[in-house]
């Protein structure tokens, strides 16, 4: 299965999920952490899920008893953790190269 197109927004979502790779996170948490609006976040999560990097599940609650709607939780898959770490590291490497030697710390 091919991976999703990696954009700055996708990297923000991946970084948020990688902060706690085994944790199940719901959309509002990811919106707050990434700073992305729902209209950007949810399509990214859908693409990551289609690529097999993320899996989701609906919370099993009684919305009336809880006083809120059910949440959809997202979690990186094992393949997703590996792929996300690779993509974040690749972007960091590219940014470091783009910054050039002037941005790197000087050795004493």
PDB file of N, CA and C in Angstrom:
ATOM      1  N   UNK A   1       0.851  -1.174   0.000  1.00  0.00           N
ATOM      2  CA  UNK A   1       0.000   0.000   0.000  1.00  0.00           C
ATOM      3  C   UNK A   1       0.900   1.242   0.000  1.00  0.00           C
ATOM      4  N   UNK A   2       0.651   2.199  -0.885  1.00  0.00           N
ATOM      5  CA  UNK A   2       1.457   3.408  -0.954  1.00  0.00           C
ATOM      6  C   UNK A   2       1.157   4.334   0.201  1.00  0.00           C
ATOM      7  N   UNK A   3       2.159   5.116   0.553  1.00  0.00           N
ATOM      8  CA  UNK A   3       1.986   6.063   1.644  1.00  0.00           C
ATOM      9  C   UNK A   3       1.308   7.337   1.166  1.00  0.00           C
ATOM     10  N   UNK A   4       0.829   8.123   2.108  1.00  0.00           N
ATOM     11  CA  UNK A   4       0.188   9.390   1.751  1.00  0.00           C
ATOM     12  C   UNK A   4       1.230  10.427   1.332  1.00  0.00           C
ATOM     13  N   UNK A   5       0.771  11.452   0.643  1.00  0.00           N
ATOM     14  CA  UNK A   5       1.648  12.569   0.295  1.00  0.00           C
ATOM     15  C   UNK A   5       1.979  13.297   1.597  1.00  0.00           C
ATOM     16  N   UNK A   6       3.270  13.534   1.819  1.00  0.00           N
ATOM     17  CA  UNK A   6       3.711  14.143   3.076  1.00  0.00           C
ATOM     18  C   UNK A   6       3.829  15.656   2.893  1.00  0.00           C
ATOM     19  N   UNK A   7       2.992  16.371   3.613  1.00  0.00           N
ATOM     20  CA  UNK A   7       2.999  17.830   3.613  1.00  0.00           C
ATOM     21  C   UNK A   7       3.346  18.302   5.028  1.00  0.00           C
ATOM     22  N   UNK A   8       3.511  19.601   5.194  1.00  0.00           N
ATOM     23  CA  UNK A   8       3.772  20.151   6.522  1.00  0.00           C
ATOM     24  C   UNK A   8       2.626  19.814   7.475  1.00  0.00           C
ATOM     25  N   UNK A   9       1.403  19.874   7.000  1.00  0.00           N
ATOM     26  CA  UNK A   9       0.251  19.548   7.848  1.00  0.00           C
ATOM     27  C   UNK A   9       0.243  18.080   8.242  1.00  0.00           C
ATOM     28  N   UNK A  10       0.565  17.206   7.305  1.00  0.00           N
ATOM     29  CA  UNK A  10       0.634  15.777   7.616  1.00  0.00           C
ATOM     30  C   UNK A  10       1.718  15.532   8.659  1.00  0.00           C
ATOM     31  N   UNK A  11       2.863  16.195   8.513  1.00  0.00           N
ATOM     32  CA  UNK A  11       3.937  16.046   9.495  1.00  0.00           C
ATOM     33  C   UNK A  11       3.508  16.513  10.876  1.00  0.00           C
ATOM     34  N   UNK A  12       2.707  17.564  10.954  1.00  0.00           N
ATOM     35  CA  UNK A  12       2.211  18.038  12.247  1.00  0.00           C
ATOM     36  C   UNK A  12       1.318  16.990  12.905  1.00  0.00           C
ATOM     37  N   UNK A  13       0.470  16.352  12.115  1.00  0.00           N
ATOM     38  CA  UNK A  13      -0.400  15.305  12.642  1.00  0.00           C
ATOM     39  C   UNK A  13       0.433  14.098  13.078  1.00  0.00           C
ATOM     40  N   UNK A  14       1.385  13.697  12.240  1.00  0.00           N
ATOM     41  CA  UNK A  14       2.240  12.557  12.582  1.00  0.00           C
ATOM     42  C   UNK A  14       3.038  12.832  13.850  1.00  0.00           C
ATOM     43  N   UNK A  15       3.571  14.037  13.972  1.00  0.00           N
ATOM     44  CA  UNK A  15       4.335  14.391  15.175  1.00  0.00           C
ATOM     45  C   UNK A  15       3.449  14.317  16.412  1.00  0.00           C
ATOM     46  N   UNK A  16       2.205  14.767  16.293  1.00  0.00           N
ATOM     47  CA  UNK A  16       1.270  14.681  17.415  1.00  0.00           C
ATOM     48  C   UNK A  16       0.980  13.240  17.806  1.00  0.00           C
ATOM     49  N   UNK A  17       0.796  12.387  16.818  1.00  0.00           N
ATOM     50  CA  UNK A  17       0.550  10.975  17.099  1.00  0.00           C
ATOM     51  C   UNK A  17       1.798  10.289  17.645  1.00  0.00           C
ATOM     52  N   UNK A  18       2.974  10.690  17.176  1.00  0.00           N
ATOM     53  CA  UNK A  18       4.219  10.090  17.649  1.00  0.00           C
ATOM     54  C   UNK A  18       4.580  10.506  19.072  1.00  0.00           C
ATOM     55  N   UNK A  19       3.985  11.587  19.562  1.00  0.00           N
ATOM     56  CA  UNK A  19       4.268  12.025  20.933  1.00  0.00           C
ATOM     57  C   UNK A  19       3.934  10.908  21.919  1.00  0.00           C
ATOM     58  N   UNK A  20       2.899  10.135  21.615  1.00  0.00           N
ATOM     59  CA  UNK A  20       2.516   8.959  22.404  1.00  0.00           C
ATOM     60  C   UNK A  20       2.033   7.895  21.424  1.00  0.00           C
ATOM     61  N   UNK A  21       2.966   7.169  20.813  1.00  0.00           N
ATOM     62  CA  UNK A  21       2.595   6.258  19.721  1.00  0.00           C
ATOM     63  C   UNK A  21       1.545   5.215  20.073  1.00  0.00           C
ATOM     64  N   UNK A  22       1.498   4.749  21.303  1.00  0.00           N
ATOM     65  CA  UNK A  22       0.536   3.715  21.673  1.00  0.00           C
ATOM     66  C   UNK A  22      -0.794   4.259  22.155  1.00  0.00           C
ATOM     67  N   UNK A  23      -0.898   5.572  22.279  1.00  0.00           N
ATOM     68  CA  UNK A  23      -2.108   6.183  22.831  1.00  0.00           C
ATOM     69  C   UNK A  23      -3.178   6.344  21.763  1.00  0.00           C
ATOM     70  N   UNK A  24      -4.414   6.261  22.208  1.00  0.00           N
ATOM     71  CA  UNK A  24      -5.550   6.551  21.343  1.00  0.00           C
ATOM     72  C   UNK A  24      -5.915   8.010  21.555  1.00  0.00           C
ATOM     73  N   UNK A  25      -5.950   8.766  20.464  1.00  0.00           N
ATOM     74  CA  UNK A  25      -6.187  10.207  20.544  1.00  0.00           C
ATOM     75  C   UNK A  25      -7.444  10.546  19.769  1.00  0.00           C
ATOM     76  N   UNK A  26      -8.233  11.468  20.277  1.00  0.00           N
ATOM     77  CA  UNK A  26      -9.431  11.868  19.544  1.00  0.00           C
ATOM     78  C   UNK A  26      -9.179  13.183  18.819  1.00  0.00           C
ATOM     79  N   UNK A  27     -10.041  13.478  17.877  1.00  0.00           N
ATOM     80  CA  UNK A  27      -9.834  14.593  16.964  1.00  0.00           C
ATOM     81  C   UNK A  27      -9.569  15.928  17.627  1.00  0.00           C
ATOM     82  N   UNK A  28     -10.342  16.293  18.644  1.00  0.00           N
ATOM     83  CA  UNK A  28     -10.144  17.591  19.282  1.00  0.00           C
ATOM     84  C   UNK A  28      -8.760  17.700  19.900  1.00  0.00           C
ATOM     85  N   UNK A  29      -8.278  16.628  20.515  1.00  0.00           N
ATOM     86  CA  UNK A  29      -6.920  16.629  21.069  1.00  0.00           C
ATOM     87  C   UNK A  29      -5.897  16.901  19.970  1.00  0.00           C
ATOM     88  N   UNK A  30      -6.052  16.204  18.857  1.00  0.00           N
ATOM     89  CA  UNK A  30      -5.113  16.357  17.745  1.00  0.00           C
ATOM     90  C   UNK A  30      -5.213  17.745  17.117  1.00  0.00           C
ATOM     91  N   UNK A  31      -6.426  18.301  17.071  1.00  0.00           N
ATOM     92  CA  UNK A  31      -6.591  19.668  16.547  1.00  0.00           C
ATOM     93  C   UNK A  31      -5.843  20.660  17.442  1.00  0.00           C
ATOM     94  N   UNK A  32      -5.997  20.512  18.742  1.00  0.00           N
ATOM     95  CA  UNK A  32      -5.341  21.426  19.672  1.00  0.00           C
ATOM     96  C   UNK A  32      -3.829  21.278  19.615  1.00  0.00           C
ATOM     97  N   UNK A  33      -3.351  20.053  19.531  1.00  0.00           N
ATOM     98  CA  UNK A  33      -1.908  19.820  19.510  1.00  0.00           C
ATOM     99  C   UNK A  33      -1.260  20.285  18.206  1.00  0.00           C
ATOM    100  N   UNK A  34      -1.932  20.028  17.098  1.00  0.00           N
ATOM    101  CA  UNK A  34      -1.343  20.359  15.796  1.00  0.00           C
ATOM    102  C   UNK A  34      -1.617  21.796  15.366  1.00  0.00           C
ATOM    103  N   UNK A  35      -2.667  22.393  15.940  1.00  0.00           N
ATOM    104  CA  UNK A  35      -3.055  23.732  15.520  1.00  0.00           C
ATOM    105  C   UNK A  35      -3.807  23.751  14.197  1.00  0.00           C
ATOM    106  N   UNK A  36      -4.204  22.580  13.725  1.00  0.00           N
ATOM    107  CA  UNK A  36      -4.907  22.482  12.446  1.00  0.00           C
ATOM    108  C   UNK A  36      -6.416  22.531  12.656  1.00  0.00           C
ATOM    109  N   UNK A  37      -7.147  23.155  11.741  1.00  0.00           N
ATOM    110  CA  UNK A  37      -8.613  23.144  11.840  1.00  0.00           C
ATOM    111  C   UNK A  37      -9.157  21.775  11.456  1.00  0.00           C
ATOM    112  N   UNK A  38     -10.387  21.518  11.859  1.00  0.00           N
ATOM    113  CA  UNK A  38     -11.008  20.213  11.596  1.00  0.00           C
ATOM    114  C   UNK A  38     -11.065  19.890  10.103  1.00  0.00           C
ATOM    115  N   UNK A  39     -11.282  20.906   9.266  1.00  0.00           N
ATOM    116  CA  UNK A  39     -11.364  20.695   7.822  1.00  0.00           C
ATOM    117  C   UNK A  39     -10.049  20.278   7.191  1.00  0.00           C
ATOM    118  N   UNK A  40      -8.961  20.460   7.909  1.00  0.00           N
ATOM    119  CA  UNK A  40      -7.645  19.991   7.457  1.00  0.00           C
ATOM    120  C   UNK A  40      -7.291  18.675   8.139  1.00  0.00           C
ATOM    121  N   UNK A  41      -7.551  18.602   9.443  1.00  0.00           N
ATOM    122  CA  UNK A  41      -7.159  17.427  10.225  1.00  0.00           C
ATOM    123  C   UNK A  41      -7.859  16.149   9.773  1.00  0.00           C
ATOM    124  N   UNK A  42      -9.193  16.179   9.696  1.00  0.00           N
ATOM    125  CA  UNK A  42      -9.919  14.938   9.431  1.00  0.00           C
ATOM    126  C   UNK A  42      -9.627  14.325   8.063  1.00  0.00           C
ATOM    127  N   UNK A  43      -9.482  15.109   7.004  1.00  0.00           N
ATOM    128  CA  UNK A  43      -9.066  14.489   5.726  1.00  0.00           C
ATOM    129  C   UNK A  43      -7.671  13.849   5.810  1.00  0.00           C
ATOM    130  N   UNK A  44      -6.765  14.459   6.580  1.00  0.00           N
ATOM    131  CA  UNK A  44      -5.433  13.871   6.753  1.00  0.00           C
ATOM    132  C   UNK A  44      -5.552  12.543   7.488  1.00  0.00           C
ATOM    133  N   UNK A  45      -6.331  12.509   8.566  1.00  0.00           N
ATOM    134  CA  UNK A  45      -6.511  11.258   9.305  1.00  0.00           C
ATOM    135  C   UNK A  45      -7.132  10.181   8.420  1.00  0.00           C
ATOM    136  N   UNK A  46      -8.072  10.564   7.569  1.00  0.00           N
ATOM    137  CA  UNK A  46      -8.689   9.596   6.648  1.00  0.00           C
ATOM    138  C   UNK A  46      -7.653   9.045   5.667  1.00  0.00           C
ATOM    139  N   UNK A  47      -6.785   9.915   5.131  1.00  0.00           N
ATOM    140  CA  UNK A  47      -5.726   9.454   4.212  1.00  0.00           C
ATOM    141  C   UNK A  47      -4.746   8.538   4.935  1.00  0.00           C
ATOM    142  N   UNK A  48      -4.371   8.897   6.163  1.00  0.00           N
ATOM    143  CA  UNK A  48      -3.450   8.052   6.930  1.00  0.00           C
ATOM    144  C   UNK A  48      -4.080   6.698   7.235  1.00  0.00           C
ATOM    145  N   UNK A  49      -5.383   6.695   7.479  1.00  0.00           N
ATOM    146  CA  UNK A  49      -6.072   5.428   7.738  1.00  0.00           C
ATOM    147  C   UNK A  49      -6.127   4.569   6.472  1.00  0.00           C
ATOM    148  N   UNK A  50      -6.425   5.188   5.331  1.00  0.00           N
ATOM    149  CA  UNK A  50      -6.448   4.432   4.064  1.00  0.00           C
ATOM    150  C   UNK A  50      -5.072   3.853   3.745  1.00  0.00           C
ATOM    151  N   UNK A  51      -4.013   4.559   4.142  1.00  0.00           N
ATOM    152  CA  UNK A  51      -2.651   4.086   3.887  1.00  0.00           C
ATOM    153  C   UNK A  51      -2.223   3.002   4.872  1.00  0.00           C
ATOM    154  N   UNK A  52      -3.031   2.769   5.907  1.00  0.00           N
ATOM    155  CA  UNK A  52      -2.692   1.747   6.885  1.00  0.00           C
ATOM    156  C   UNK A  52      -1.782   2.238   8.006  1.00  0.00           C
ATOM    157  N   UNK A  53      -1.572   3.551   8.069  1.00  0.00           N
ATOM    158  CA  UNK A  53      -0.695   4.116   9.105  1.00  0.00           C
ATOM    159  C   UNK A  53      -1.445   4.382  10.404  1.00  0.00           C
ATOM    160  N   UNK A  54      -2.755   4.573  10.309  1.00  0.00           N
ATOM    161  CA  UNK A  54      -3.597   4.909  11.456  1.00  0.00           C
ATOM    162  C   UNK A  54      -4.809   3.994  11.438  1.00  0.00           C
ATOM    163  N   UNK A  55      -5.273   3.625  12.629  1.00  0.00           N
ATOM    164  CA  UNK A  55      -6.546   2.926  12.744  1.00  0.00           C
ATOM    165  C   UNK A  55      -7.428   3.743  13.670  1.00  0.00           C
ATOM    166  N   UNK A  56      -8.728   3.603  13.493  1.00  0.00           N
ATOM    167  CA  UNK A  56      -9.651   4.377  14.322  1.00  0.00           C
ATOM    168  C   UNK A  56     -10.760   3.482  14.844  1.00  0.00           C
ATOM    169  N   UNK A  57     -11.386   3.960  15.898  1.00  0.00           N
ATOM    170  CA  UNK A  57     -12.537   3.263  16.463  1.00  0.00           C
ATOM    171  C   UNK A  57     -13.427   4.291  17.135  1.00  0.00           C
ATOM    172  N   UNK A  58     -14.727   4.004  17.138  1.00  0.00           N
ATOM    173  CA  UNK A  58     -15.682   4.860  17.832  1.00  0.00           C
ATOM    174  C   UNK A  58     -15.764   4.426  19.284  1.00  0.00           C
ATOM    175  N   UNK A  59     -15.778   5.379  20.152  1.00  0.00           N
ATOM    176  CA  UNK A  59     -15.945   5.143  21.584  1.00  0.00           C
ATOM    177  C   UNK A  59     -17.342   4.561  21.831  1.00  0.00           C
ATOM    178  N   UNK A  60     -17.428   3.574  22.688  1.00  0.00           N
ATOM    179  CA  UNK A  60     -18.701   2.934  23.010  1.00  0.00           C
ATOM    180  C   UNK A  60     -19.240   3.526  24.316  1.00  0.00           C
ATOM    181  N   UNK A  61     -20.025   4.594  24.207  1.00  0.00           N
ATOM    182  CA  UNK A  61     -20.624   5.234  25.375  1.00  0.00           C
ATOM    183  C   UNK A  61     -22.092   5.529  25.104  1.00  0.00           C
ATOM    184  N   UNK A  62     -22.799   5.879  26.141  1.00  0.00           N
ATOM    185  CA  UNK A  62     -24.164   6.389  26.003  1.00  0.00           C
ATOM    186  C   UNK A  62     -24.041   7.911  25.992  1.00  0.00           C
ATOM    187  N   UNK A  63     -24.217   8.552  24.831  1.00  0.00           N
ATOM    188  CA  UNK A  63     -24.032  10.002  24.747  1.00  0.00           C
ATOM    189  C   UNK A  63     -24.928  10.785  25.709  1.00  0.00           C
ATOM    190  N   UNK A  64     -26.123  10.292  25.968  1.00  0.00           N
ATOM    191  CA  UNK A  64     -27.024  10.991  26.886  1.00  0.00           C
ATOM    192  C   UNK A  64     -26.453  10.938  28.297  1.00  0.00           C
ATOM    193  N   UNK A  65     -26.008   9.753  28.718  1.00  0.00           N
ATOM    194  CA  UNK A  65     -25.455   9.595  30.064  1.00  0.00           C
ATOM    195  C   UNK A  65     -24.161  10.392  30.226  1.00  0.00           C
ATOM    196  N   UNK A  66     -23.348  10.434  29.183  1.00  0.00           N
ATOM    197  CA  UNK A  66     -22.062  11.134  29.241  1.00  0.00           C
ATOM    198  C   UNK A  66     -22.205  12.638  29.026  1.00  0.00           C
ATOM    199  N   UNK A  67     -23.312  13.044  28.415  1.00  0.00           N
ATOM    200  CA  UNK A  67     -23.519  14.464  28.141  1.00  0.00           C
ATOM    201  C   UNK A  67     -22.667  15.004  27.001  1.00  0.00           C
ATOM    202  N   UNK A  68     -22.232  14.117  26.124  1.00  0.00           N
ATOM    203  CA  UNK A  68     -21.427  14.504  24.960  1.00  0.00           C
ATOM    204  C   UNK A  68     -21.529  13.409  23.907  1.00  0.00           C
ATOM    205  N   UNK A  69     -21.215  13.763  22.658  1.00  0.00           N
ATOM    206  CA  UNK A  69     -21.247  12.727  21.608  1.00  0.00           C
ATOM    207  C   UNK A  69     -20.071  11.749  21.757  1.00  0.00           C
ATOM    208  N   UNK A  70     -20.207  10.600  21.124  1.00  0.00           N
ATOM    209  CA  UNK A  70     -19.114   9.628  21.092  1.00  0.00           C
ATOM    210  C   UNK A  70     -17.914  10.224  20.370  1.00  0.00           C
ATOM    211  N   UNK A  71     -16.746   9.846  20.823  1.00  0.00           N
ATOM    212  CA  UNK A  71     -15.511  10.296  20.187  1.00  0.00           C
ATOM    213  C   UNK A  71     -14.970   9.192  19.282  1.00  0.00           C
ATOM    214  N   UNK A  72     -14.321   9.620  18.221  1.00  0.00           N
ATOM    215  CA  UNK A  72     -13.611   8.682  17.370  1.00  0.00           C
ATOM    216  C   UNK A  72     -12.154   8.785  17.752  1.00  0.00           C
ATOM    217  N   UNK A  73     -11.560   7.666  18.127  1.00  0.00           N
ATOM    218  CA  UNK A  73     -10.168   7.633  18.564  1.00  0.00           C
ATOM    219  C   UNK A  73      -9.272   7.151  17.435  1.00  0.00           C
ATOM    220  N   UNK A  74      -8.099   7.748  17.343  1.00  0.00           N
ATOM    221  CA  UNK A  74      -7.113   7.429  16.304  1.00  0.00           C
ATOM    222  C   UNK A  74      -5.826   6.982  16.976  1.00  0.00           C
ATOM    223  N   UNK A  75      -5.174   5.986  16.363  1.00  0.00           N
ATOM    224  CA  UNK A  75      -3.916   5.475  16.889  1.00  0.00           C
ATOM    225  C   UNK A  75      -3.054   5.021  15.721  1.00  0.00           C
ATOM    226  N   UNK A  76      -1.760   5.262  15.839  1.00  0.00           N
ATOM    227  CA  UNK A  76      -0.836   4.774  14.823  1.00  0.00           C
ATOM    228  C   UNK A  76      -0.793   3.250  14.858  1.00  0.00           C
ATOM    229  N   UNK A  77      -0.738   2.625  13.704  1.00  0.00           N
ATOM    230  CA  UNK A  77      -0.500   1.182  13.622  1.00  0.00           C
ATOM    231  C   UNK A  77       0.998   0.954  13.782  1.00  0.00           C
ATOM    232  N   UNK A  78       1.398  -0.298  13.926  1.00  0.00           N
ATOM    233  CA  UNK A  78       2.837  -0.611  14.025  1.00  0.00           C
ATOM    234  C   UNK A  78       3.566  -0.113  12.775  1.00  0.00           C
ATOM    235  N   UNK A  79       2.994  -0.369  11.599  1.00  0.00           N
ATOM    236  CA  UNK A  79       3.597   0.126  10.356  1.00  0.00           C
ATOM    237  C   UNK A  79       3.589   1.649  10.320  1.00  0.00           C
ATOM    238  N   UNK A  80       2.527   2.241  10.859  1.00  0.00           N
ATOM    239  CA  UNK A  80       2.417   3.691  10.888  1.00  0.00           C
ATOM    240  C   UNK A  80       3.486   4.344  11.755  1.00  0.00           C
ATOM    241  N   UNK A  81       3.812   3.721  12.881  1.00  0.00           N
ATOM    242  CA  UNK A  81       4.867   4.254  13.753  1.00  0.00           C
ATOM    243  C   UNK A  81       6.197   4.281  12.995  1.00  0.00           C
ATOM    244  N   UNK A  82       6.506   3.169  12.339  1.00  0.00           N
ATOM    245  CA  UNK A  82       7.756   3.079  11.579  1.00  0.00           C
ATOM    246  C   UNK A  82       7.774   4.116  10.459  1.00  0.00           C
ATOM    247  N   UNK A  83       6.692   4.187   9.703  1.00  0.00           N
ATOM    248  CA  UNK A  83       6.615   5.120   8.572  1.00  0.00           C
ATOM    249  C   UNK A  83       6.646   6.568   9.045  1.00  0.00           C
ATOM    250  N   UNK A  84       5.929   6.882  10.122  1.00  0.00           N
ATOM    251  CA  UNK A  84       5.891   8.251  10.631  1.00  0.00           C
ATOM    252  C   UNK A  84       7.265   8.683  11.121  1.00  0.00           C
ATOM    253  N   UNK A  85       7.937   7.817  11.851  1.00  0.00           N
ATOM    254  CA  UNK A  85       9.297   8.150  12.328  1.00  0.00           C
ATOM    255  C   UNK A  85      10.242   8.382  11.158  1.00  0.00           C
ATOM    256  N   UNK A  86      10.104   7.550  10.126  1.00  0.00           N
ATOM    257  CA  UNK A  86      10.953   7.696   8.938  1.00  0.00           C
ATOM    258  C   UNK A  86      10.692   9.038   8.261  1.00  0.00           C
ATOM    259  N   UNK A  87       9.426   9.392   8.079  1.00  0.00           N
ATOM    260  CA  UNK A  87       9.081  10.641   7.396  1.00  0.00           C
ATOM    261  C   UNK A  87       9.494  11.869   8.197  1.00  0.00           C
ATOM    262  N   UNK A  88       9.301  11.846   9.507  1.00  0.00           N
ATOM    263  CA  UNK A  88       9.705  12.976  10.345  1.00  0.00           C
ATOM    264  C   UNK A  88      11.232  13.121  10.313  1.00  0.00           C
ATOM    265  N   UNK A  89      11.960  12.000  10.415  1.00  0.00           N
ATOM    266  CA  UNK A  89      13.425  12.051  10.370  1.00  0.00           C
ATOM    267  C   UNK A  89      13.909  12.561   9.012  1.00  0.00           C
ATOM    268  N   UNK A  90      13.270  12.120   7.944  1.00  0.00           N
ATOM    269  CA  UNK A  90      13.641  12.574   6.600  1.00  0.00           C
ATOM    270  C   UNK A  90      13.437  14.077   6.464  1.00  0.00           C
ATOM    271  N   UNK A  91      12.321  14.577   6.971  1.00  0.00           N
ATOM    272  CA  UNK A  91      12.064  16.013   6.892  1.00  0.00           C
ATOM    273  C   UNK A  91      13.075  16.788   7.730  1.00  0.00           C
ATOM    274  N   UNK A  92      13.417  16.284   8.909  1.00  0.00           N
ATOM    275  CA  UNK A  92      14.419  16.953   9.743  1.00  0.00           C
ATOM    276  C   UNK A  92      15.772  16.996   9.028  1.00  0.00           C
ATOM    277  N   UNK A  93      16.109  15.900   8.364  1.00  0.00           N
ATOM    278  CA  UNK A  93      17.362  15.830   7.618  1.00  0.00           C
ATOM    279  C   UNK A  93      17.351  16.836   6.459  1.00  0.00           C
ATOM    280  N   UNK A  94      16.241  16.918   5.744  1.00  0.00           N
ATOM    281  CA  UNK A  94      16.136  17.857   4.630  1.00  0.00           C
ATOM    282  C   UNK A  94      16.197  19.296   5.114  1.00  0.00           C
ATOM    283  N   UNK A  95      15.556  19.590   6.240  1.00  0.00           N
ATOM    284  CA  UNK A  95      15.577  20.946   6.794  1.00  0.00           C
ATOM    285  C   UNK A  95      16.991  21.319   7.252  1.00  0.00           C
ATOM    286  N   UNK A  96      17.680  20.362   7.816  1.00  0.00           N
ATOM    287  CA  UNK A  96      19.050  20.603   8.271  1.00  0.00           C
ATOM    288  C   UNK A  96      19.957  20.917   7.082  1.00  0.00           C
ATOM    289  N   UNK A  97      19.795  20.158   6.011  1.00  0.00           N
ATOM    290  CA  UNK A  97      20.592  20.410   4.796  1.00  0.00           C
ATOM    291  C   UNK A  97      20.242  21.759   4.192  1.00  0.00           C
ATOM    292  N   UNK A  98      18.952  22.086   4.189  1.00  0.00           N
ATOM    293  CA  UNK A  98      18.513  23.355   3.602  1.00  0.00           C
ATOM    294  C   UNK A  98      19.037  24.545   4.398  1.00  0.00           C
ATOM    295  N   UNK A  99      19.155  24.369   5.715  1.00  0.00           N
ATOM    296  CA  UNK A  99      19.650  25.457   6.564  1.00  0.00           C
ATOM    297  C   UNK A  99      21.136  25.704   6.321  1.00  0.00           C
ATOM    298  N   UNK A 100      21.833  24.692   5.864  1.00  0.00           N
ATOM    299  CA  UNK A 100      23.245  24.845   5.551  1.00  0.00           C
ATOM    300  C   UNK A 100      24.126  24.847   6.780  1.00  0.00           C
ATOM    301  N   UNK A 101      25.434  24.933   6.554  1.00  0.00           N
ATOM    302  CA  UNK A 101      26.393  24.838   7.652  1.00  0.00           C
ATOM    303  C   UNK A 101      26.281  26.005   8.653  1.00  0.00           C
ATOM    304  N   UNK A 102      25.811  27.144   8.257  1.00  0.00           N
ATOM    305  CA  UNK A 102      25.721  28.291   9.165  1.00  0.00           C
ATOM    306  C   UNK A 102      24.730  28.032  10.304  1.00  0.00           C
ATOM    307  N   UNK A 103      23.735  27.183  10.058  1.00  0.00           N
ATOM    308  CA  UNK A 103      22.719  26.908  11.078  1.00  0.00           C
ATOM    309  C   UNK A 103      23.134  25.798  12.021  1.00  0.00           C
ATOM    310  N   UNK A 104      24.176  25.045  11.653  1.00  0.00           N
ATOM    311  CA  UNK A 104      24.617  23.940  12.504  1.00  0.00           C
ATOM    312  C   UNK A 104      25.539  24.465  13.605  1.00  0.00           C
ATOM    313  N   UNK A 105      25.479  23.863  14.796  1.00  0.00           N
ATOM    314  CA  UNK A 105      26.369  24.294  15.872  1.00  0.00           C
ATOM    315  C   UNK A 105      27.820  24.048  15.506  1.00  0.00           C
ATOM    316  N   UNK A 106      28.653  24.973  15.855  1.00  0.00           N
ATOM    317  CA  UNK A 106      30.093  24.849  15.571  1.00  0.00           C
ATOM    318  C   UNK A 106      30.757  23.952  16.605  1.00  0.00           C
ATOM    319  N   UNK A 107      31.678  23.121  16.150  1.00  0.00           N
ATOM    320  CA  UNK A 107      32.421  22.279  17.081  1.00  0.00           C
ATOM    321  C   UNK A 107      33.564  23.074  17.662  1.00  0.00           C
ATOM    322  N   UNK A 108      33.849  22.838  18.942  1.00  0.00           N
ATOM    323  CA  UNK A 108      34.918  23.578  19.625  1.00  0.00           C
ATOM    324  C   UNK A 108      36.271  22.999  19.338  1.00  0.00           C
TER     325      UNK A 108
END
